[in-house]
Amino acid sequence: MGFFTTEIKKFVLTALVVSMSLIAVNMQQSVEDSPWYLRPFSVAAGLVQNAYSGFSSGVRGTAALYLNLVDIKKQNRELLKTNAKLTTELGDMTELRLENERLNDLLAFKKKTTMDLLAAKVIGRDLMPDHYSVTINRGTQHGVKKGMAAITVGGIVGYVIQPELLTAQILLLPDRYASVDAIVQRSRARGIVQGLSKDTCRMEYLQRGDDVVVGDLVVTSGLQNIFPKGYPVGTVTQVRKNRYGISQDVELQPAVNPFTIEELFIVLNTNNEDFTPPPPKQSLVPGRALPSGRRPAEGT
């Protein structure tokens, strides 16, 4: 037989039902209004009600906080995905804008020149640290031949050294094996520009007395009709005259950075185009221009 008999269980259950009924009846009354024999039940009911109310409020608050945190975490994941997507789209749009600007510059240049030019895109770069070349997506099938010049809007890039059927390798100007016949635009001093380092070239075979100063623009000579005459090669950055020699050491910075170029032109034919700027006009009388058709009087 158990500790509680069936009769005792029934008695306890009946007492609980009666007590809860009395508590329910008196929950709306204050303790002072209740009969003395019900006041203990009222007090107990109040304590139970307060405890239950506090517990239920805490449970509801905790549940609401948890649900809010779950919702915030979900929203945060969605915002991160949206942000990543927008960042990617913005990067793509920026890349397209920059490419469009470059292509517009190339198109504008091609429209105003008389040279026969073939547009090409760089599709590969030489990984050797001491050899500077790129591969383009044009080859012999497109008319590319060995020795043809590679240029861009701002200056020369190099020349073709190995054409294939659909591609071609371009030797860049800074390569130590590259050489271009050039002249100093201001003084017309002639020499050979050769690669020296990644961002520097040197101009060889200049005589000691040749007029070359820092800041001079060096341009192509146009010999052999490979490069157009007068096209920018680089700017003189250093001049050193040999103390006992008959030459001078001249270094220059290339007009364009060939390592960042993504599109270029292959010169199929220069058509003898000359980019040398015309000499400035000078009046015969200092400080005064003569009227058209008149000649200065003798003795003046």
Foldseek 3Di string as FASTA:
>chain_A
DDPDDPVNVVVVVVVVVVLVVLCVVCQVPDLVPDPPVCNVSVVVSVVVVVVVVVVVVVVVVVVVVVVVVVVVVVVVVVVVVVVVVVVVVVVVVVVVVVVVVQVVLQVVVVVPAPFDKDKWFFDAFDPDQQFGKTKTQAFVCNPADFFAWKCGDQFGFATWHAGDHGMTMGGGQQHQPGWAWKAFLPQRFTFIWGHDHQFKIKTPDGFLPGDDDFFTWIFGCCPPQRDAAGTTFFTWHDWARDPPDGHIITMTTGRDNNVPDGMIITGSGNVNDHPRDDDDDDAPDPPDHDPPPDDDDPPD
